[in-house]
Amino acid sequence: MRNSSNMVLLTFFGSTLSDRVHIGPINLRVRRFVPHPPQCFSCYGYGHGKSSSKEASRCGNCSALDSHSEEHCNTADYCFHYREAHQVRPTQCQRYRLEQDILQVANYQFFSLGSARRELLCPLYRLSL
């Protein structure tokens, strides 16, 4: 199905991926799709959305566990994931990049998310096997 970005999402069966696909007179380049990591915009954790969040709500600016709105937050930016002075928004947080890498490893190496997470976070585990 086409969207405004001229992308077509195709599903292939098997583990090999063609570099091009022909649909009628159209010749399309194929590349693997890796989704963005899902981030909850209530608790700002990863792996779930706001509707299924079981954690307490946080401010997206200062990470406070209270109900004040981000628009009215006067506190300095703070990320609870890495305890750094930035918002917990995806573009600024190293945790988002880590979650992106986990999805990429899972997608390219056909790992489960748990295995991909262990692969990236525990490299010494592989050496001990």
N, C-alpha and C. Protein backbone atom coordinates (compact mmCIF):
# COMPACT_ATOMS: atom_id res chain seq x y z
N MET A 1 0.84 -1.18 0.00
CA MET A 1 0.00 0.00 0.00
C MET A 1 0.88 1.24 0.00
N ARG A 2 0.60 2.16 -0.86
CA ARG A 2 1.40 3.39 -0.95
C ARG A 2 0.90 4.43 0.02
N ASN A 3 1.84 5.20 0.54
CA ASN A 3 1.46 6.35 1.37
C ASN A 3 2.13 7.58 0.79
N SER A 4 2.05 8.69 1.47
CA SER A 4 2.56 9.94 0.92
C SER A 4 4.07 9.97 0.75
N SER A 5 4.80 9.04 1.36
CA SER A 5 6.26 9.03 1.21
C SER A 5 6.71 8.11 0.07
N ASN A 6 5.77 7.63 -0.72
CA ASN A 6 6.07 6.75 -1.84
C ASN A 6 6.75 5.46 -1.40
N MET A 7 6.37 4.96 -0.24
CA MET A 7 6.88 3.68 0.24
C MET A 7 5.82 2.62 0.04
N VAL A 8 6.29 1.41 -0.22
CA VAL A 8 5.42 0.25 -0.31
C VAL A 8 5.94 -0.74 0.70
N LEU A 9 5.08 -1.24 1.57
CA LEU A 9 5.49 -2.22 2.57
C LEU A 9 5.11 -3.60 2.07
N LEU A 10 6.12 -4.43 1.83
CA LEU A 10 5.92 -5.78 1.33
C LEU A 10 6.36 -6.77 2.39
N THR A 11 5.73 -7.93 2.41
CA THR A 11 6.12 -8.99 3.32
C THR A 11 6.69 -10.13 2.50
N PHE A 12 7.90 -10.57 2.85
CA PHE A 12 8.55 -11.68 2.17
C PHE A 12 8.59 -12.87 3.12
N PHE A 13 8.46 -14.04 2.60
CA PHE A 13 8.58 -15.25 3.40
C PHE A 13 9.96 -15.84 3.17
N GLY A 14 10.59 -16.31 4.22
CA GLY A 14 11.94 -16.85 4.12
C GLY A 14 12.95 -15.87 4.68
N SER A 15 14.21 -16.22 4.56
CA SER A 15 15.25 -15.39 5.16
C SER A 15 16.08 -14.63 4.14
N THR A 16 15.81 -14.81 2.86
CA THR A 16 16.54 -14.06 1.85
C THR A 16 15.67 -12.92 1.34
N LEU A 17 16.33 -11.82 1.03
CA LEU A 17 15.62 -10.63 0.59
C LEU A 17 16.20 -10.18 -0.74
N SER A 18 15.35 -10.08 -1.72
CA SER A 18 15.77 -9.60 -3.03
C SER A 18 16.12 -8.12 -2.93
N ASP A 19 17.05 -7.65 -3.77
CA ASP A 19 17.38 -6.23 -3.73
C ASP A 19 16.45 -5.39 -4.61
N ARG A 20 15.69 -6.04 -5.50
CA ARG A 20 14.73 -5.33 -6.33
C ARG A 20 13.50 -6.22 -6.50
N VAL A 21 12.36 -5.57 -6.74
CA VAL A 21 11.12 -6.29 -7.01
C VAL A 21 10.42 -5.59 -8.17
N HIS A 22 9.82 -6.38 -9.04
CA HIS A 22 9.12 -5.85 -10.21
C HIS A 22 7.62 -6.03 -9.99
N ILE A 23 6.88 -4.94 -10.05
CA ILE A 23 5.43 -4.98 -9.95
C ILE A 23 4.89 -4.34 -11.22
N GLY A 24 4.49 -5.18 -12.14
CA GLY A 24 4.07 -4.68 -13.45
C GLY A 24 5.24 -3.97 -14.11
N PRO A 25 5.04 -2.75 -14.60
CA PRO A 25 6.13 -2.02 -15.25
C PRO A 25 7.05 -1.29 -14.26
N ILE A 26 6.77 -1.40 -12.98
CA ILE A 26 7.54 -0.66 -11.98
C ILE A 26 8.63 -1.54 -11.39
N ASN A 27 9.84 -1.01 -11.36
CA ASN A 27 11.00 -1.69 -10.78
C ASN A 27 11.37 -0.96 -9.49
N LEU A 28 11.20 -1.63 -8.34
CA LEU A 28 11.43 -0.99 -7.05
C LEU A 28 12.64 -1.56 -6.33
N ARG A 29 13.39 -0.67 -5.69
CA ARG A 29 14.49 -1.09 -4.83
C ARG A 29 13.91 -1.56 -3.51
N VAL A 30 14.45 -2.64 -2.96
CA VAL A 30 13.94 -3.21 -1.71
C VAL A 30 14.97 -3.01 -0.62
N ARG A 31 14.50 -2.61 0.56
CA ARG A 31 15.38 -2.58 1.73
C ARG A 31 14.57 -3.03 2.93
N ARG A 32 15.26 -3.54 3.89
CA ARG A 32 14.61 -4.07 5.09
C ARG A 32 14.00 -2.93 5.91
N PHE A 33 12.80 -3.17 6.41
CA PHE A 33 12.09 -2.18 7.23
C PHE A 33 12.36 -2.48 8.70
N VAL A 34 12.89 -1.50 9.39
CA VAL A 34 13.09 -1.60 10.84
C VAL A 34 12.22 -0.52 11.48
N PRO A 35 11.23 -0.91 12.27
CA PRO A 35 10.34 0.09 12.85
C PRO A 35 11.03 0.93 13.92
N HIS A 36 10.45 2.07 14.22
CA HIS A 36 10.96 2.89 15.32
C HIS A 36 10.58 2.23 16.64
N PRO A 37 11.42 2.37 17.66
CA PRO A 37 11.08 1.78 18.95
C PRO A 37 9.82 2.43 19.53
N PRO A 38 8.87 1.62 19.98
CA PRO A 38 7.67 2.21 20.58
C PRO A 38 8.00 2.84 21.93
N GLN A 39 7.63 4.09 22.11
CA GLN A 39 7.86 4.78 23.38
C GLN A 39 6.52 5.24 23.93
N CYS A 40 6.31 5.00 25.20
CA CYS A 40 5.09 5.42 25.88
C CYS A 40 5.19 6.91 26.19
N PHE A 41 4.18 7.67 25.82
CA PHE A 41 4.21 9.10 26.11
C PHE A 41 3.44 9.43 27.38
N SER A 42 3.35 8.43 28.26
CA SER A 42 2.83 8.65 29.61
C SER A 42 3.97 8.45 30.61
N CYS A 43 4.58 7.25 30.59
CA CYS A 43 5.69 6.97 31.52
C CYS A 43 7.06 7.14 30.85
N TYR A 44 7.09 7.28 29.54
CA TYR A 44 8.30 7.46 28.73
C TYR A 44 9.22 6.24 28.76
N GLY A 45 8.65 5.08 29.06
CA GLY A 45 9.40 3.83 28.93
C GLY A 45 9.33 3.36 27.49
N TYR A 46 10.00 2.26 27.19
CA TYR A 46 10.03 1.72 25.83
C TYR A 46 9.37 0.35 25.78
N GLY A 47 8.87 -0.01 24.61
CA GLY A 47 8.30 -1.32 24.39
C GLY A 47 6.79 -1.38 24.50
N HIS A 48 6.15 -0.26 24.81
CA HIS A 48 4.70 -0.22 24.92
C HIS A 48 4.22 1.19 24.62
N GLY A 49 2.93 1.31 24.42
CA GLY A 49 2.33 2.62 24.17
C GLY A 49 1.59 3.14 25.38
N LYS A 50 1.09 4.35 25.25
CA LYS A 50 0.39 5.02 26.36
C LYS A 50 -0.83 4.23 26.83
N SER A 51 -1.55 3.63 25.89
CA SER A 51 -2.79 2.93 26.25
C SER A 51 -2.54 1.67 27.08
N SER A 52 -1.36 1.09 27.00
CA SER A 52 -1.07 -0.13 27.77
C SER A 52 -0.05 0.11 28.89
N SER A 53 0.21 1.36 29.23
CA SER A 53 1.19 1.68 30.27
C SER A 53 0.67 1.31 31.65
N LYS A 54 1.54 0.66 32.43
CA LYS A 54 1.20 0.31 33.81
C LYS A 54 2.01 1.12 34.80
N GLU A 55 2.89 1.96 34.29
CA GLU A 55 3.76 2.77 35.15
C GLU A 55 3.11 4.13 35.44
N ALA A 56 3.64 4.81 36.43
CA ALA A 56 3.17 6.15 36.77
C ALA A 56 3.55 7.13 35.67
N SER A 57 2.73 8.14 35.46
CA SER A 57 3.01 9.16 34.45
C SER A 57 4.21 10.00 34.87
N ARG A 58 4.96 10.43 33.85
CA ARG A 58 6.12 11.29 34.08
C ARG A 58 5.99 12.53 33.22
N CYS A 59 6.69 13.56 33.63
CA CYS A 59 6.81 14.76 32.81
C CYS A 59 7.87 14.47 31.75
N GLY A 60 7.60 14.82 30.50
CA GLY A 60 8.56 14.59 29.42
C GLY A 60 9.75 15.53 29.44
N ASN A 61 9.69 16.58 30.24
CA ASN A 61 10.81 17.51 30.36
C ASN A 61 11.73 17.16 31.51
N CYS A 62 11.15 17.04 32.72
CA CYS A 62 12.00 16.87 33.92
C CYS A 62 11.94 15.46 34.51
N SER A 63 11.12 14.57 33.93
CA SER A 63 10.96 13.18 34.38
C SER A 63 10.30 13.04 35.74
N ALA A 64 9.71 14.10 36.26
CA ALA A 64 9.06 14.03 37.57
C ALA A 64 7.86 13.09 37.53
N LEU A 65 7.68 12.34 38.60
CA LEU A 65 6.56 11.41 38.71
C LEU A 65 5.34 12.12 39.31
N ASP A 66 4.87 13.12 38.64
CA ASP A 66 3.67 13.80 39.11
C ASP A 66 2.81 14.18 37.91
N SER A 67 1.77 14.87 38.15
CA SER A 67 0.82 15.11 37.08
C SER A 67 0.94 16.49 36.44
N HIS A 68 2.05 17.20 36.65
CA HIS A 68 2.12 18.51 36.00
C HIS A 68 2.35 18.33 34.50
N SER A 69 1.86 19.26 33.72
CA SER A 69 1.97 19.14 32.26
C SER A 69 3.32 19.68 31.79
N GLU A 70 3.78 19.12 30.70
CA GLU A 70 5.07 19.54 30.14
C GLU A 70 5.05 20.99 29.71
N GLU A 71 3.90 21.46 29.25
CA GLU A 71 3.78 22.84 28.80
C GLU A 71 4.03 23.83 29.94
N HIS A 72 3.72 23.42 31.16
CA HIS A 72 3.86 24.31 32.31
C HIS A 72 5.04 23.92 33.20
N CYS A 73 5.95 23.11 32.69
CA CYS A 73 7.09 22.66 33.49
C CYS A 73 8.18 23.73 33.48
N ASN A 74 8.60 24.16 34.66
CA ASN A 74 9.66 25.16 34.79
C ASN A 74 10.96 24.56 35.30
N THR A 75 10.99 23.25 35.46
CA THR A 75 12.17 22.57 35.99
C THR A 75 13.14 22.28 34.84
N ALA A 76 14.41 22.16 35.17
CA ALA A 76 15.44 21.87 34.16
C ALA A 76 15.19 20.49 33.53
N ASP A 77 15.58 20.35 32.27
CA ASP A 77 15.44 19.08 31.57
C ASP A 77 16.25 18.00 32.28
N TYR A 78 15.64 16.79 32.38
CA TYR A 78 16.32 15.67 33.03
C TYR A 78 15.78 14.37 32.46
N CYS A 79 16.66 13.46 32.08
CA CYS A 79 16.28 12.16 31.54
C CYS A 79 16.55 11.09 32.59
N PHE A 80 15.51 10.38 32.99
CA PHE A 80 15.67 9.35 34.01
C PHE A 80 16.34 8.09 33.48
N HIS A 81 16.38 7.89 32.16
CA HIS A 81 17.02 6.70 31.60
C HIS A 81 18.53 6.72 31.83
N TYR A 82 19.16 7.84 31.52
CA TYR A 82 20.62 7.93 31.63
C TYR A 82 21.07 8.97 32.65
N ARG A 83 20.12 9.54 33.38
CA ARG A 83 20.43 10.56 34.40
C ARG A 83 21.27 11.69 33.81
N GLU A 84 20.77 12.22 32.69
CA GLU A 84 21.46 13.30 31.99
C GLU A 84 20.53 14.49 31.83
N ALA A 85 21.11 15.63 31.51
CA ALA A 85 20.34 16.88 31.38
C ALA A 85 19.80 17.05 29.97
N HIS A 86 18.81 16.26 29.63
CA HIS A 86 18.07 16.43 28.38
C HIS A 86 16.69 15.82 28.58
N GLN A 87 15.76 16.16 27.69
CA GLN A 87 14.41 15.60 27.78
C GLN A 87 14.44 14.12 27.43
N VAL A 88 13.37 13.43 27.77
CA VAL A 88 13.29 12.00 27.46
C VAL A 88 12.73 11.74 26.07
N ARG A 89 12.75 12.74 25.23
CA ARG A 89 12.27 12.62 23.85
C ARG A 89 13.23 11.75 23.03
N PRO A 90 12.70 11.05 22.02
CA PRO A 90 13.52 10.13 21.24
C PRO A 90 14.77 10.73 20.61
N THR A 91 14.69 11.94 20.08
CA THR A 91 15.83 12.49 19.35
C THR A 91 16.99 12.86 20.25
N GLN A 92 16.75 12.97 21.54
CA GLN A 92 17.80 13.44 22.44
C GLN A 92 18.36 12.35 23.34
N CYS A 93 17.72 11.22 23.42
CA CYS A 93 18.08 10.23 24.43
C CYS A 93 18.88 9.06 23.85
N GLN A 94 19.97 8.71 24.53
CA GLN A 94 20.78 7.56 24.12
C GLN A 94 19.98 6.27 24.24
N ARG A 95 19.04 6.22 25.16
CA ARG A 95 18.22 5.02 25.35
C ARG A 95 17.41 4.73 24.09
N TYR A 96 16.91 5.79 23.43
CA TYR A 96 16.18 5.60 22.18
C TYR A 96 17.09 4.97 21.13
N ARG A 97 18.32 5.46 21.03
CA ARG A 97 19.26 4.89 20.05
C ARG A 97 19.58 3.44 20.38
N LEU A 98 19.69 3.10 21.66
CA LEU A 98 19.91 1.72 22.07
C LEU A 98 18.72 0.85 21.65
N GLU A 99 17.51 1.32 21.90
CA GLU A 99 16.32 0.56 21.52
C GLU A 99 16.24 0.40 20.00
N GLN A 100 16.67 1.42 19.27
CA GLN A 100 16.73 1.34 17.80
C GLN A 100 17.72 0.25 17.37
N ASP A 101 18.88 0.22 18.00
CA ASP A 101 19.89 -0.80 17.69
C ASP A 101 19.38 -2.20 18.00
N ILE A 102 18.66 -2.36 19.10
CA ILE A 102 18.10 -3.67 19.46
C ILE A 102 17.12 -4.13 18.39
N LEU A 103 16.25 -3.24 17.93
CA LEU A 103 15.31 -3.60 16.86
C LEU A 103 16.04 -3.96 15.57
N GLN A 104 17.12 -3.24 15.29
CA GLN A 104 17.87 -3.52 14.07
C GLN A 104 18.55 -4.89 14.14
N VAL A 105 19.17 -5.21 15.27
CA VAL A 105 19.80 -6.53 15.44
C VAL A 105 18.75 -7.63 15.35
N ALA A 106 17.61 -7.45 16.00
CA ALA A 106 16.54 -8.44 15.96
C ALA A 106 16.05 -8.64 14.53
N ASN A 107 15.93 -7.56 13.78
CA ASN A 107 15.40 -7.62 12.43
C ASN A 107 16.39 -8.24 11.45
N TYR A 108 17.65 -7.84 11.52
CA TYR A 108 18.64 -8.31 10.54
C TYR A 108 19.17 -9.70 10.85
N GLN A 109 19.21 -10.08 12.13
CA GLN A 109 19.77 -11.38 12.49
C GLN A 109 18.69 -12.39 12.88
N PHE A 110 17.42 -12.00 12.71
CA PHE A 110 16.29 -12.88 13.00
C PHE A 110 16.31 -13.36 14.45
N PHE A 111 16.62 -12.44 15.37
CA PHE A 111 16.62 -12.72 16.80
C PHE A 111 15.30 -12.27 17.40
N SER A 112 14.96 -12.85 18.54
CA SER A 112 13.86 -12.29 19.33
C SER A 112 14.37 -10.98 19.94
N LEU A 113 13.46 -10.14 20.41
CA LEU A 113 13.90 -8.89 21.04
C LEU A 113 14.74 -9.15 22.28
N GLY A 114 14.39 -10.17 23.05
CA GLY A 114 15.17 -10.51 24.24
C GLY A 114 16.58 -10.94 23.88
N SER A 115 16.72 -11.76 22.83
CA SER A 115 18.05 -12.20 22.39
C SER A 115 18.86 -11.04 21.84
N ALA A 116 18.22 -10.16 21.09
CA ALA A 116 18.92 -9.00 20.54
C ALA A 116 19.38 -8.08 21.67
N ARG A 117 18.55 -7.91 22.68
CA ARG A 117 18.91 -7.08 23.84
C ARG A 117 20.13 -7.67 24.55
N ARG A 118 20.12 -8.99 24.77
CA ARG A 118 21.28 -9.65 25.41
C ARG A 118 22.52 -9.53 24.54
N GLU A 119 22.35 -9.65 23.24
CA GLU A 119 23.48 -9.55 22.30
C GLU A 119 24.17 -8.19 22.42
N LEU A 120 23.39 -7.14 22.54
CA LEU A 120 23.96 -5.79 22.61
C LEU A 120 24.42 -5.41 24.01
N LEU A 121 23.69 -5.85 25.03
CA LEU A 121 23.99 -5.41 26.39
C LEU A 121 24.97 -6.31 27.12
N CYS A 122 25.09 -7.55 26.71
CA CYS A 122 25.95 -8.50 27.42
C CYS A 122 26.94 -9.17 26.48
N PRO A 123 27.86 -8.44 25.87
CA PRO A 123 28.79 -9.08 24.94
C PRO A 123 29.69 -10.12 25.61
N LEU A 124 29.94 -9.99 26.90
CA LEU A 124 30.78 -10.97 27.60
C LEU A 124 30.07 -12.30 27.75
N TYR A 125 28.74 -12.30 27.73
CA TYR A 125 27.96 -13.52 27.83
C TYR A 125 28.30 -14.47 26.68
N ARG A 126 28.45 -13.92 25.47
CA ARG A 126 28.77 -14.74 24.29
C ARG A 126 30.14 -15.38 24.43
N LEU A 127 31.11 -14.66 25.03
CA LEU A 127 32.46 -15.19 25.16
C LEU A 127 32.54 -16.33 26.16
N SER A 128 31.62 -16.37 27.12
CA SER A 128 31.67 -17.40 28.15
C SER A 128 31.03 -18.71 27.70
N LEU A 129 30.38 -18.73 26.55
CA LEU A 129 29.73 -19.96 26.08
C LEU A 129 30.71 -20.94 25.50
